[in-house]
Amino acid sequence: MVHADKLQMGQLFMNIISNGIKYHRPEVSPIVSVQCEDSEFGYKITIQDNGIGFDPKYLDKIFKPFERLHGAAELKVTEWDWRFAGK
């Protein structure tokens, strides 16, 4: 079980969903699925998308702050992104 701050968890979910939309394959519409179910220890939350994925060799780089696998030129910034960024 994890005890967490509501605002930080909200930001986490917004970032995960935003990334699921942002990092999609150009020829495929993005789909993000969020499911929540009761479990023995609390809630189990599952988030899945049909995004571009990543090569496991970059696993150590992906979870470092301020690191990206794809440059800004490769991404199409959406209105969704700016709304979450508070701009």
PDB file of N, CA and C in Angstrom:
ATOM      1  N   MET A   1       0.846  -1.167   0.000  1.00  0.00           N
ATOM      2  CA  MET A   1       0.000   0.000   0.000  1.00  0.00           C
ATOM      3  C   MET A   1       0.893   1.232   0.000  1.00  0.00           C
ATOM      4  N   VAL A   2       0.459   2.237  -0.735  1.00  0.00           N
ATOM      5  CA  VAL A   2       1.201   3.486  -0.823  1.00  0.00           C
ATOM      6  C   VAL A   2       0.300   4.608  -0.333  1.00  0.00           C
ATOM      7  N   HIS A   3       0.803   5.400   0.566  1.00  0.00           N
ATOM      8  CA  HIS A   3       0.094   6.603   1.001  1.00  0.00           C
ATOM      9  C   HIS A   3       0.715   7.770   0.250  1.00  0.00           C
ATOM     10  N   ALA A   4      -0.127   8.574  -0.390  1.00  0.00           N
ATOM     11  CA  ALA A   4       0.403   9.627  -1.243  1.00  0.00           C
ATOM     12  C   ALA A   4      -0.435  10.888  -1.142  1.00  0.00           C
ATOM     13  N   ASP A   5       0.166  11.986  -1.533  1.00  0.00           N
ATOM     14  CA  ASP A   5      -0.492  13.280  -1.577  1.00  0.00           C
ATOM     15  C   ASP A   5      -1.455  13.317  -2.771  1.00  0.00           C
ATOM     16  N   LYS A   6      -2.694  13.749  -2.545  1.00  0.00           N
ATOM     17  CA  LYS A   6      -3.702  13.774  -3.609  1.00  0.00           C
ATOM     18  C   LYS A   6      -3.269  14.629  -4.797  1.00  0.00           C
ATOM     19  N   LEU A   7      -2.708  15.807  -4.529  1.00  0.00           N
ATOM     20  CA  LEU A   7      -2.300  16.689  -5.619  1.00  0.00           C
ATOM     21  C   LEU A   7      -1.168  16.080  -6.444  1.00  0.00           C
ATOM     22  N   GLN A   8      -0.214  15.471  -5.773  1.00  0.00           N
ATOM     23  CA  GLN A   8       0.893  14.851  -6.507  1.00  0.00           C
ATOM     24  C   GLN A   8       0.417  13.640  -7.310  1.00  0.00           C
ATOM     25  N   MET A   9      -0.498  12.878  -6.750  1.00  0.00           N
ATOM     26  CA  MET A   9      -1.042  11.745  -7.500  1.00  0.00           C
ATOM     27  C   MET A   9      -1.830  12.227  -8.715  1.00  0.00           C
ATOM     28  N   GLY A  10      -2.571  13.315  -8.552  1.00  0.00           N
ATOM     29  CA  GLY A  10      -3.289  13.893  -9.688  1.00  0.00           C
ATOM     30  C   GLY A  10      -2.334  14.318 -10.784  1.00  0.00           C
ATOM     31  N   GLN A  11      -1.225  14.955 -10.397  1.00  0.00           N
ATOM     32  CA  GLN A  11      -0.221  15.382 -11.371  1.00  0.00           C
ATOM     33  C   GLN A  11       0.419  14.168 -12.048  1.00  0.00           C
ATOM     34  N   LEU A  12       0.681  13.130 -11.273  1.00  0.00           N
ATOM     35  CA  LEU A  12       1.250  11.903 -11.829  1.00  0.00           C
ATOM     36  C   LEU A  12       0.332  11.321 -12.903  1.00  0.00           C
ATOM     37  N   PHE A  13      -0.960  11.215 -12.579  1.00  0.00           N
ATOM     38  CA  PHE A  13      -1.898  10.661 -13.560  1.00  0.00           C
ATOM     39  C   PHE A  13      -2.006  11.554 -14.792  1.00  0.00           C
ATOM     40  N   MET A  14      -2.025  12.861 -14.611  1.00  0.00           N
ATOM     41  CA  MET A  14      -2.077  13.768 -15.761  1.00  0.00           C
ATOM     42  C   MET A  14      -0.847  13.586 -16.648  1.00  0.00           C
ATOM     43  N   ASN A  15       0.326  13.445 -16.029  1.00  0.00           N
ATOM     44  CA  ASN A  15       1.551  13.264 -16.810  1.00  0.00           C
ATOM     45  C   ASN A  15       1.542  11.936 -17.564  1.00  0.00           C
ATOM     46  N   ILE A  16       1.115  10.876 -16.909  1.00  0.00           N
ATOM     47  CA  ILE A  16       1.090   9.563 -17.565  1.00  0.00           C
ATOM     48  C   ILE A  16       0.110   9.568 -18.734  1.00  0.00           C
ATOM     49  N   ILE A  17      -1.083  10.112 -18.523  1.00  0.00           N
ATOM     50  CA  ILE A  17      -2.079  10.162 -19.592  1.00  0.00           C
ATOM     51  C   ILE A  17      -1.611  11.069 -20.726  1.00  0.00           C
ATOM     52  N   SER A  18      -1.034  12.221 -20.377  1.00  0.00           N
ATOM     53  CA  SER A  18      -0.513  13.144 -21.385  1.00  0.00           C
ATOM     54  C   SER A  18       0.578  12.475 -22.220  1.00  0.00           C
ATOM     55  N   ASN A  19       1.486  11.736 -21.571  1.00  0.00           N
ATOM     56  CA  ASN A  19       2.539  11.035 -22.303  1.00  0.00           C
ATOM     57  C   ASN A  19       1.957   9.955 -23.206  1.00  0.00           C
ATOM     58  N   GLY A  20       0.898   9.283 -22.745  1.00  0.00           N
ATOM     59  CA  GLY A  20       0.246   8.278 -23.579  1.00  0.00           C
ATOM     60  C   GLY A  20      -0.318   8.865 -24.852  1.00  0.00           C
ATOM     61  N   ILE A  21      -0.757  10.106 -24.766  1.00  0.00           N
ATOM     62  CA  ILE A  21      -1.288  10.803 -25.942  1.00  0.00           C
ATOM     63  C   ILE A  21      -0.151  11.373 -26.786  1.00  0.00           C
ATOM     64  N   LYS A  22       0.820  11.968 -26.148  1.00  0.00           N
ATOM     65  CA  LYS A  22       1.924  12.631 -26.848  1.00  0.00           C
ATOM     66  C   LYS A  22       2.796  11.643 -27.625  1.00  0.00           C
ATOM     67  N   TYR A  23       3.129  10.514 -27.023  1.00  0.00           N
ATOM     68  CA  TYR A  23       4.060   9.562 -27.629  1.00  0.00           C
ATOM     69  C   TYR A  23       3.316   8.446 -28.355  1.00  0.00           C
ATOM     70  N   HIS A  24       2.500   8.837 -29.325  1.00  0.00           N
ATOM     71  CA  HIS A  24       1.777   7.835 -30.112  1.00  0.00           C
ATOM     72  C   HIS A  24       2.406   7.717 -31.500  1.00  0.00           C
ATOM     73  N   ARG A  25       2.111   6.614 -32.147  1.00  0.00           N
ATOM     74  CA  ARG A  25       2.599   6.413 -33.513  1.00  0.00           C
ATOM     75  C   ARG A  25       1.815   7.327 -34.441  1.00  0.00           C
ATOM     76  N   PRO A  26       2.482   8.004 -35.363  1.00  0.00           N
ATOM     77  CA  PRO A  26       1.807   8.998 -36.226  1.00  0.00           C
ATOM     78  C   PRO A  26       0.602   8.456 -36.979  1.00  0.00           C
ATOM     79  N   GLU A  27       0.639   7.196 -37.391  1.00  0.00           N
ATOM     80  CA  GLU A  27      -0.436   6.635 -38.211  1.00  0.00           C
ATOM     81  C   GLU A  27      -1.570   6.017 -37.392  1.00  0.00           C
ATOM     82  N   VAL A  28      -1.472   6.089 -36.052  1.00  0.00           N
ATOM     83  CA  VAL A  28      -2.460   5.458 -35.180  1.00  0.00           C
ATOM     84  C   VAL A  28      -2.996   6.473 -34.169  1.00  0.00           C
ATOM     85  N   SER A  29      -4.299   6.537 -34.023  1.00  0.00           N
ATOM     86  CA  SER A  29      -4.888   7.420 -33.005  1.00  0.00           C
ATOM     87  C   SER A  29      -4.524   6.897 -31.618  1.00  0.00           C
ATOM     88  N   PRO A  30      -4.168   7.811 -30.712  1.00  0.00           N
ATOM     89  CA  PRO A  30      -3.797   7.365 -29.367  1.00  0.00           C
ATOM     90  C   PRO A  30      -4.994   6.842 -28.579  1.00  0.00           C
ATOM     91  N   ILE A  31      -4.750   5.789 -27.818  1.00  0.00           N
ATOM     92  CA  ILE A  31      -5.749   5.228 -26.909  1.00  0.00           C
ATOM     93  C   ILE A  31      -5.079   5.053 -25.554  1.00  0.00           C
ATOM     94  N   VAL A  32      -5.684   5.610 -24.511  1.00  0.00           N
ATOM     95  CA  VAL A  32      -5.184   5.462 -23.152  1.00  0.00           C
ATOM     96  C   VAL A  32      -6.316   4.868 -22.318  1.00  0.00           C
ATOM     97  N   SER A  33      -6.022   3.760 -21.659  1.00  0.00           N
ATOM     98  CA  SER A  33      -7.006   3.075 -20.836  1.00  0.00           C
ATOM     99  C   SER A  33      -6.580   3.170 -19.369  1.00  0.00           C
ATOM    100  N   VAL A  34      -7.502   3.617 -18.508  1.00  0.00           N
ATOM    101  CA  VAL A  34      -7.248   3.699 -17.070  1.00  0.00           C
ATOM    102  C   VAL A  34      -8.285   2.837 -16.371  1.00  0.00           C
ATOM    103  N   GLN A  35      -7.802   1.877 -15.577  1.00  0.00           N
ATOM    104  CA  GLN A  35      -8.709   0.993 -14.846  1.00  0.00           C
ATOM    105  C   GLN A  35      -8.329   0.987 -13.374  1.00  0.00           C
ATOM    106  N   CYS A  36      -9.327   0.855 -12.536  1.00  0.00           N
ATOM    107  CA  CYS A  36      -9.102   0.804 -11.092  1.00  0.00           C
ATOM    108  C   CYS A  36      -9.970  -0.317 -10.523  1.00  0.00           C
ATOM    109  N   GLU A  37      -9.373  -1.124  -9.663  1.00  0.00           N
ATOM    110  CA  GLU A  37     -10.136  -2.196  -9.031  1.00  0.00           C
ATOM    111  C   GLU A  37      -9.678  -2.356  -7.584  1.00  0.00           C
ATOM    112  N   ASP A  38     -10.581  -2.836  -6.768  1.00  0.00           N
ATOM    113  CA  ASP A  38     -10.229  -3.145  -5.383  1.00  0.00           C
ATOM    114  C   ASP A  38      -9.307  -4.352  -5.364  1.00  0.00           C
ATOM    115  N   SER A  39      -8.333  -4.319  -4.483  1.00  0.00           N
ATOM    116  CA  SER A  39      -7.473  -5.484  -4.291  1.00  0.00           C
ATOM    117  C   SER A  39      -7.348  -5.738  -2.793  1.00  0.00           C
ATOM    118  N   GLU A  40      -6.654  -6.768  -2.461  1.00  0.00           N
ATOM    119  CA  GLU A  40      -6.470  -7.139  -1.059  1.00  0.00           C
ATOM    120  C   GLU A  40      -5.814  -6.019  -0.249  1.00  0.00           C
ATOM    121  N   PHE A  41      -4.982  -5.219  -0.895  1.00  0.00           N
ATOM    122  CA  PHE A  41      -4.206  -4.198  -0.189  1.00  0.00           C
ATOM    123  C   PHE A  41      -4.674  -2.773  -0.447  1.00  0.00           C
ATOM    124  N   GLY A  42      -5.768  -2.579  -1.138  1.00  0.00           N
ATOM    125  CA  GLY A  42      -6.257  -1.233  -1.464  1.00  0.00           C
ATOM    126  C   GLY A  42      -6.769  -1.216  -2.888  1.00  0.00           C
ATOM    127  N   TYR A  43      -6.318  -0.249  -3.663  1.00  0.00           N
ATOM    128  CA  TYR A  43      -6.732  -0.135  -5.056  1.00  0.00           C
ATOM    129  C   TYR A  43      -5.590  -0.520  -5.976  1.00  0.00           C
ATOM    130  N   LYS A  44      -5.939  -1.191  -7.053  1.00  0.00           N
ATOM    131  CA  LYS A  44      -4.979  -1.514  -8.103  1.00  0.00           C
ATOM    132  C   LYS A  44      -5.342  -0.661  -9.309  1.00  0.00           C
ATOM    133  N   ILE A  45      -4.439   0.193  -9.727  1.00  0.00           N
ATOM    134  CA  ILE A  45      -4.679   1.087 -10.854  1.00  0.00           C
ATOM    135  C   ILE A  45      -3.784   0.646 -12.003  1.00  0.00           C
ATOM    136  N   THR A  46      -4.407   0.443 -13.158  1.00  0.00           N
ATOM    137  CA  THR A  46      -3.686   0.011 -14.351  1.00  0.00           C
ATOM    138  C   THR A  46      -3.883   1.053 -15.439  1.00  0.00           C
ATOM    139  N   ILE A  47      -2.786   1.489 -16.040  1.00  0.00           N
ATOM    140  CA  ILE A  47      -2.840   2.445 -17.145  1.00  0.00           C
ATOM    141  C   ILE A  47      -2.108   1.819 -18.325  1.00  0.00           C
ATOM    142  N   GLN A  48      -2.785   1.756 -19.468  1.00  0.00           N
ATOM    143  CA  GLN A  48      -2.205   1.186 -20.681  1.00  0.00           C
ATOM    144  C   GLN A  48      -2.425   2.145 -21.840  1.00  0.00           C
ATOM    145  N   ASP A  49      -1.507   2.125 -22.796  1.00  0.00           N
ATOM    146  CA  ASP A  49      -1.707   2.914 -24.012  1.00  0.00           C
ATOM    147  C   ASP A  49      -1.166   2.133 -25.202  1.00  0.00           C
ATOM    148  N   ASN A  50      -1.475   2.621 -26.380  1.00  0.00           N
ATOM    149  CA  ASN A  50      -0.990   1.997 -27.605  1.00  0.00           C
ATOM    150  C   ASN A  50       0.128   2.834 -28.212  1.00  0.00           C
ATOM    151  N   GLY A  51       0.930   3.437 -27.354  1.00  0.00           N
ATOM    152  CA  GLY A  51       1.991   4.339 -27.785  1.00  0.00           C
ATOM    153  C   GLY A  51       3.168   3.650 -28.442  1.00  0.00           C
ATOM    154  N   ILE A  52       4.215   4.419 -28.630  1.00  0.00           N
ATOM    155  CA  ILE A  52       5.387   3.942 -29.364  1.00  0.00           C
ATOM    156  C   ILE A  52       6.247   2.992 -28.547  1.00  0.00           C
ATOM    157  N   GLY A  53       6.078   2.983 -27.233  1.00  0.00           N
ATOM    158  CA  GLY A  53       6.877   2.098 -26.397  1.00  0.00           C
ATOM    159  C   GLY A  53       8.324   2.550 -26.353  1.00  0.00           C
ATOM    160  N   PHE A  54       9.183   1.680 -25.843  1.00  0.00           N
ATOM    161  CA  PHE A  54      10.608   2.002 -25.789  1.00  0.00           C
ATOM    162  C   PHE A  54      11.425   0.720 -25.782  1.00  0.00           C
ATOM    163  N   ASP A  55      12.641   0.849 -26.245  1.00  0.00           N
ATOM    164  CA  ASP A  55      13.572  -0.273 -26.242  1.00  0.00           C
ATOM    165  C   ASP A  55      14.065  -0.459 -24.809  1.00  0.00           C
ATOM    166  N   PRO A  56      14.016  -1.683 -24.275  1.00  0.00           N
ATOM    167  CA  PRO A  56      14.453  -1.919 -22.896  1.00  0.00           C
ATOM    168  C   PRO A  56      15.878  -1.451 -22.595  1.00  0.00           C
ATOM    169  N   LYS A  57      16.716  -1.305 -23.622  1.00  0.00           N
ATOM    170  CA  LYS A  57      18.087  -0.844 -23.367  1.00  0.00           C
ATOM    171  C   LYS A  57      18.122   0.594 -22.852  1.00  0.00           C
ATOM    172  N   TYR A  58      17.020   1.345 -23.010  1.00  0.00           N
ATOM    173  CA  TYR A  58      16.947   2.725 -22.522  1.00  0.00           C
ATOM    174  C   TYR A  58      16.260   2.834 -21.160  1.00  0.00           C
ATOM    175  N   LEU A  59      15.968   1.737 -20.527  1.00  0.00           N
ATOM    176  CA  LEU A  59      15.232   1.734 -19.266  1.00  0.00           C
ATOM    177  C   LEU A  59      15.883   2.629 -18.211  1.00  0.00           C
ATOM    178  N   ASP A  60      17.205   2.568 -18.085  1.00  0.00           N
ATOM    179  CA  ASP A  60      17.887   3.386 -17.075  1.00  0.00           C
ATOM    180  C   ASP A  60      17.811   4.872 -17.399  1.00  0.00           C
ATOM    181  N   LYS A  61      17.731   5.229 -18.668  1.00  0.00           N
ATOM    182  CA  LYS A  61      17.670   6.635 -19.076  1.00  0.00           C
ATOM    183  C   LYS A  61      16.259   7.219 -18.933  1.00  0.00           C
ATOM    184  N   ILE A  62      15.245   6.417 -19.198  1.00  0.00           N
ATOM    185  CA  ILE A  62      13.863   6.903 -19.212  1.00  0.00           C
ATOM    186  C   ILE A  62      13.444   7.467 -17.862  1.00  0.00           C
ATOM    187  N   PHE A  63      13.855   6.847 -16.794  1.00  0.00           N
ATOM    188  CA  PHE A  63      13.379   7.246 -15.481  1.00  0.00           C
ATOM    189  C   PHE A  63      14.306   8.219 -14.764  1.00  0.00           C
ATOM    190  N   LYS A  64      15.265   8.792 -15.496  1.00  0.00           N
ATOM    191  CA  LYS A  64      16.105   9.852 -14.936  1.00  0.00           C
ATOM    192  C   LYS A  64      15.416  11.189 -15.201  1.00  0.00           C
ATOM    193  N   PRO A  65      15.432  12.096 -14.229  1.00  0.00           N
ATOM    194  CA  PRO A  65      14.822  13.413 -14.452  1.00  0.00           C
ATOM    195  C   PRO A  65      15.475  14.132 -15.632  1.00  0.00           C
ATOM    196  N   PHE A  66      14.674  14.787 -16.422  1.00  0.00           N
ATOM    197  CA  PHE A  66      15.101  15.655 -17.520  1.00  0.00           C
ATOM    198  C   PHE A  66      15.739  14.904 -18.692  1.00  0.00           C
ATOM    199  N   GLU A  67      15.536  13.604 -18.791  1.00  0.00           N
ATOM    200  CA  GLU A  67      16.052  12.816 -19.908  1.00  0.00           C
ATOM    201  C   GLU A  67      14.896  12.482 -20.840  1.00  0.00           C
ATOM    202  N   ARG A  68      15.171  12.510 -22.146  1.00  0.00           N
ATOM    203  CA  ARG A  68      14.178  12.145 -23.147  1.00  0.00           C
ATOM    204  C   ARG A  68      14.800  11.239 -24.186  1.00  0.00           C
ATOM    205  N   LEU A  69      13.995  10.351 -24.717  1.00  0.00           N
ATOM    206  CA  LEU A  69      14.453   9.517 -25.826  1.00  0.00           C
ATOM    207  C   LEU A  69      14.156  10.179 -27.154  1.00  0.00           C
ATOM    208  N   HIS A  70      13.145  11.035 -27.194  1.00  0.00           N
ATOM    209  CA  HIS A  70      12.708  11.667 -28.435  1.00  0.00           C
ATOM    210  C   HIS A  70      12.846  13.172 -28.301  1.00  0.00           C
ATOM    211  N   GLY A  71      13.367  13.811 -29.329  1.00  0.00           N
ATOM    212  CA  GLY A  71      13.511  15.258 -29.320  1.00  0.00           C
ATOM    213  C   GLY A  71      12.187  15.956 -29.542  1.00  0.00           C
ATOM    214  N   ALA A  72      12.145  17.242 -29.208  1.00  0.00           N
ATOM    215  CA  ALA A  72      10.917  18.026 -29.346  1.00  0.00           C
ATOM    216  C   ALA A  72      10.430  18.068 -30.794  1.00  0.00           C
ATOM    217  N   ALA A  73      11.354  18.036 -31.744  1.00  0.00           N
ATOM    218  CA  ALA A  73      10.966  18.087 -33.159  1.00  0.00           C
ATOM    219  C   ALA A  73      10.155  16.864 -33.573  1.00  0.00           C
ATOM    220  N   GLU A  74      10.334  15.749 -32.867  1.00  0.00           N
ATOM    221  CA  GLU A  74       9.608  14.527 -33.197  1.00  0.00           C
ATOM    222  C   GLU A  74       8.202  14.505 -32.620  1.00  0.00           C
ATOM    223  N   LEU A  75       7.913  15.415 -31.702  1.00  0.00           N
ATOM    224  CA  LEU A  75       6.641  15.397 -30.992  1.00  0.00           C
ATOM    225  C   LEU A  75       5.740  16.512 -31.472  1.00  0.00           C
ATOM    226  N   LYS A  76       4.467  16.234 -31.519  1.00  0.00           N
ATOM    227  CA  LYS A  76       3.473  17.253 -31.826  1.00  0.00           C
ATOM    228  C   LYS A  76       2.855  17.659 -30.492  1.00  0.00           C
ATOM    229  N   VAL A  77       3.108  18.896 -30.051  1.00  0.00           N
ATOM    230  CA  VAL A  77       2.563  19.364 -28.781  1.00  0.00           C
ATOM    231  C   VAL A  77       1.077  19.633 -28.975  1.00  0.00           C
ATOM    232  N   THR A  78       0.276  19.117 -28.083  1.00  0.00           N
ATOM    233  CA  THR A  78      -1.166  19.246 -28.208  1.00  0.00           C
ATOM    234  C   THR A  78      -1.702  20.268 -27.224  1.00  0.00           C
ATOM    235  N   GLU A  79      -2.931  20.692 -27.450  1.00  0.00           N
ATOM    236  CA  GLU A  79      -3.602  21.593 -26.523  1.00  0.00           C
ATOM    237  C   GLU A  79      -3.684  20.947 -25.139  1.00  0.00           C
ATOM    238  N   TRP A  80      -3.840  19.636 -25.100  1.00  0.00           N
ATOM    239  CA  TRP A  80      -3.899  18.871 -23.854  1.00  0.00           C
ATOM    240  C   TRP A  80      -2.635  19.125 -23.033  1.00  0.00           C
ATOM    241  N   ASP A  81      -1.465  19.063 -23.680  1.00  0.00           N
ATOM    242  CA  ASP A  81      -0.200  19.266 -22.978  1.00  0.00           C
ATOM    243  C   ASP A  81      -0.128  20.639 -22.333  1.00  0.00           C
ATOM    244  N   TRP A  82      -0.513  21.662 -23.064  1.00  0.00           N
ATOM    245  CA  TRP A  82      -0.410  23.015 -22.534  1.00  0.00           C
ATOM    246  C   TRP A  82      -1.394  23.252 -21.391  1.00  0.00           C
ATOM    247  N   ARG A  83      -2.556  22.654 -21.478  1.00  0.00           N
ATOM    248  CA  ARG A  83      -3.538  22.805 -20.408  1.00  0.00           C
ATOM    249  C   ARG A  83      -2.983  22.235 -19.113  1.00  0.00           C
ATOM    250  N   PHE A  84      -2.329  21.060 -19.196  1.00  0.00           N
ATOM    251  CA  PHE A  84      -1.754  20.454 -18.002  1.00  0.00           C
ATOM    252  C   PHE A  84      -0.544  21.225 -17.502  1.00  0.00           C
ATOM    253  N   ALA A  85       0.161  21.871 -18.414  1.00  0.00           N
ATOM    254  CA  ALA A  85       1.338  22.619 -18.012  1.00  0.00           C
ATOM    255  C   ALA A  85       0.940  23.944 -17.356  1.00  0.00           C
ATOM    256  N   GLY A  86      -0.339  24.293 -17.418  1.00  0.00           N
ATOM    257  CA  GLY A  86      -0.821  25.519 -16.796  1.00  0.00           C
ATOM    258  C   GLY A  86      -0.488  26.755 -17.584  1.00  0.00           C
ATOM    259  N   LYS A  87      -0.220  26.622 -18.857  1.00  0.00           N
ATOM    260  CA  LYS A  87       0.149  27.768 -19.697  1.00  0.00           C
ATOM    261  C   LYS A  87      -1.086  28.391 -20.279  1.00  0.00           C
TER     262      LYS A  87
END
